[in-house]
Structure formats: structure tokens, C-alpha cells
């Protein structure tokens, strides 16, 4: 028979285990409730992993926004001319 407190218990993970989940967590791909709770618990008390998650999250945002800028026509024309001469 399982005690209710056992099912709500959060697994305490170390930094190596947290690293396994970090990218999925930052990308919003971590769906398993126990894994999600474990990584959130860990980054809640580990400054190193918290900082890493913040950096990775910011990097993801910047990468997503990087492709939204329109390439200037002058650059496109230069690239096309270079490709024609290959």
C-alpha cells in the first residue's frame, strides 16, 4: 500500500542528472510530472544549474528571433554574384 506522501515526494537529483533534463526543460519539452518536479526542485536550490537554465533560455529566445530579420537586398545580390562565379 502506498502512502500519499510517497507519491508526492520529489526525487532529489544532482547536477549531472539535472543536466540530462535541462535542455528539454528549457525548451518546454519536459512533460513527465516527476521529472519536471525534480528539475524545478533542483534549479530552485542550485545556483549553478539555475544560472545555466537562464542562459540557455535566453539563448533559445535569441536564436528563435535571429531568423526573423530580413536579409538586406544588397547582401542577397552580393551572395548571388559570388555563387554565379563559382
C-alpha atoms as a PDB file:
ATOM      1  CA  UNK A   1       0.000   0.000   0.000  1.00  0.00           C
ATOM      2  CA  UNK A   2       1.396   3.376  -0.991  1.00  0.00           C
ATOM      3  CA  UNK A   3       1.349   6.312   1.301  1.00  0.00           C
ATOM      4  CA  UNK A   4       0.083   9.583  -0.239  1.00  0.00           C
ATOM      5  CA  UNK A   5       3.262  11.365   0.848  1.00  0.00           C
ATOM      6  CA  UNK A   6       5.304   8.799  -1.113  1.00  0.00           C
ATOM      7  CA  UNK A   7       3.545   9.651  -4.379  1.00  0.00           C
ATOM      8  CA  UNK A   8       4.048  13.388  -3.853  1.00  0.00           C
ATOM      9  CA  UNK A   9       7.703  13.046  -2.887  1.00  0.00           C
ATOM     10  CA  UNK A  10      10.147  14.839  -5.188  1.00  0.00           C
ATOM     11  CA  UNK A  11      13.277  12.979  -6.207  1.00  0.00           C
ATOM     12  CA  UNK A  12      16.346  14.948  -5.229  1.00  0.00           C
ATOM     13  CA  UNK A  13      18.644  14.896  -8.258  1.00  0.00           C
ATOM     14  CA  UNK A  14      22.246  16.002  -8.591  1.00  0.00           C
ATOM     15  CA  UNK A  15      23.693  18.390 -11.192  1.00  0.00           C
ATOM     16  CA  UNK A  16      24.557  15.615 -13.656  1.00  0.00           C
ATOM     17  CA  UNK A  17      21.006  14.311 -13.604  1.00  0.00           C
ATOM     18  CA  UNK A  18      19.646  17.849 -13.849  1.00  0.00           C
ATOM     19  CA  UNK A  19      21.812  18.422 -16.908  1.00  0.00           C
ATOM     20  CA  UNK A  20      20.122  15.435 -18.592  1.00  0.00           C
ATOM     21  CA  UNK A  21      16.763  17.199 -18.249  1.00  0.00           C
ATOM     22  CA  UNK A  22      17.886  20.817 -18.643  1.00  0.00           C
ATOM     23  CA  UNK A  23      17.503  21.288 -22.394  1.00  0.00           C
ATOM     24  CA  UNK A  24      14.135  19.548 -22.535  1.00  0.00           C
ATOM     25  CA  UNK A  25      13.031  21.691 -19.589  1.00  0.00           C
ATOM     26  CA  UNK A  26      14.218  24.956 -21.164  1.00  0.00           C
ATOM     27  CA  UNK A  27      12.558  24.037 -24.461  1.00  0.00           C
ATOM     28  CA  UNK A  28       9.259  23.234 -22.739  1.00  0.00           C
ATOM     29  CA  UNK A  29       9.504  19.600 -23.830  1.00  0.00           C
ATOM     30  CA  UNK A  30       9.681  18.025 -20.375  1.00  0.00           C
ATOM     31  CA  UNK A  31       6.171  16.681 -19.790  1.00  0.00           C
ATOM     32  CA  UNK A  32       6.651  13.914 -17.210  1.00  0.00           C
ATOM     33  CA  UNK A  33       5.412  15.426 -13.900  1.00  0.00           C
ATOM     34  CA  UNK A  34       8.015  13.678 -11.731  1.00  0.00           C
ATOM     35  CA  UNK A  35      10.907  14.753 -13.985  1.00  0.00           C
ATOM     36  CA  UNK A  36       9.524  18.294 -14.197  1.00  0.00           C
ATOM     37  CA  UNK A  37       9.182  18.491 -10.418  1.00  0.00           C
ATOM     38  CA  UNK A  38      12.699  17.121  -9.930  1.00  0.00           C
ATOM     39  CA  UNK A  39      14.377  19.631 -12.250  1.00  0.00           C
ATOM     40  CA  UNK A  40      12.369  22.552 -10.849  1.00  0.00           C
ATOM     41  CA  UNK A  41      13.265  21.478  -7.320  1.00  0.00           C
ATOM     42  CA  UNK A  42      16.928  21.194  -8.238  1.00  0.00           C
ATOM     43  CA  UNK A  43      17.221  24.553 -10.016  1.00  0.00           C
ATOM     44  CA  UNK A  44      15.307  26.068  -7.124  1.00  0.00           C
ATOM     45  CA  UNK A  45      18.241  25.419  -4.805  1.00  0.00           C
ATOM     46  CA  UNK A  46      21.272  25.019  -7.108  1.00  0.00           C
ATOM     47  CA  UNK A  47      22.518  28.399  -8.282  1.00  0.00           C
ATOM     48  CA  UNK A  48      24.815  26.878 -10.904  1.00  0.00           C
ATOM     49  CA  UNK A  49      22.034  24.926 -12.635  1.00  0.00           C
ATOM     50  CA  UNK A  50      19.602  27.825 -12.225  1.00  0.00           C
ATOM     51  CA  UNK A  51      22.076  30.144 -13.961  1.00  0.00           C
ATOM     52  CA  UNK A  52      22.610  27.587 -16.718  1.00  0.00           C
ATOM     53  CA  UNK A  53      18.858  27.298 -17.282  1.00  0.00           C
ATOM     54  CA  UNK A  54      18.557  31.083 -17.519  1.00  0.00           C
ATOM     55  CA  UNK A  55      21.409  31.334 -20.015  1.00  0.00           C
ATOM     56  CA  UNK A  56      20.046  28.505 -22.149  1.00  0.00           C
ATOM     57  CA  UNK A  57      16.558  30.032 -22.078  1.00  0.00           C
ATOM     58  CA  UNK A  58      17.887  33.414 -23.200  1.00  0.00           C
ATOM     59  CA  UNK A  59      19.989  31.791 -25.908  1.00  0.00           C
ATOM     60  CA  UNK A  60      16.916  29.933 -27.198  1.00  0.00           C
ATOM     61  CA  UNK A  61      14.961  33.190 -27.356  1.00  0.00           C
ATOM     62  CA  UNK A  62      17.713  34.924 -29.286  1.00  0.00           C
ATOM     63  CA  UNK A  63      18.103  32.046 -31.713  1.00  0.00           C
ATOM     64  CA  UNK A  64      14.373  31.998 -32.415  1.00  0.00           C
ATOM     65  CA  UNK A  65      14.361  35.739 -33.066  1.00  0.00           C
ATOM     66  CA  UNK A  66      17.559  35.721 -35.160  1.00  0.00           C
ATOM     67  CA  UNK A  67      15.878  34.280 -38.234  1.00  0.00           C
ATOM     68  CA  UNK A  68      13.115  36.860 -38.265  1.00  0.00           C
ATOM     69  CA  UNK A  69      15.212  39.714 -39.634  1.00  0.00           C
ATOM     70  CA  UNK A  70      15.012  40.263 -43.377  1.00  0.00           C
ATOM     71  CA  UNK A  71      18.278  39.863 -45.260  1.00  0.00           C
ATOM     72  CA  UNK A  72      19.197  43.150 -46.966  1.00  0.00           C
ATOM     73  CA  UNK A  73      18.851  43.063 -50.755  1.00  0.00           C
ATOM     74  CA  UNK A  74      22.427  44.289 -51.194  1.00  0.00           C
ATOM     75  CA  UNK A  75      23.730  41.256 -49.303  1.00  0.00           C
ATOM     76  CA  UNK A  76      21.488  38.906 -51.292  1.00  0.00           C
ATOM     77  CA  UNK A  77      22.774  40.364 -54.566  1.00  0.00           C
ATOM     78  CA  UNK A  78      26.413  40.051 -53.473  1.00  0.00           C
ATOM     79  CA  UNK A  79      25.874  36.434 -52.457  1.00  0.00           C
ATOM     80  CA  UNK A  80      24.149  35.607 -55.746  1.00  0.00           C
ATOM     81  CA  UNK A  81      27.032  37.137 -57.716  1.00  0.00           C
ATOM     82  CA  UNK A  82      29.550  35.138 -55.669  1.00  0.00           C
ATOM     83  CA  UNK A  83      27.614  31.930 -56.284  1.00  0.00           C
ATOM     84  CA  UNK A  84      27.414  32.617 -60.029  1.00  0.00           C
ATOM     85  CA  UNK A  85      31.195  32.910 -60.198  1.00  0.00           C
ATOM     86  CA  UNK A  86      31.853  29.549 -58.546  1.00  0.00           C
END
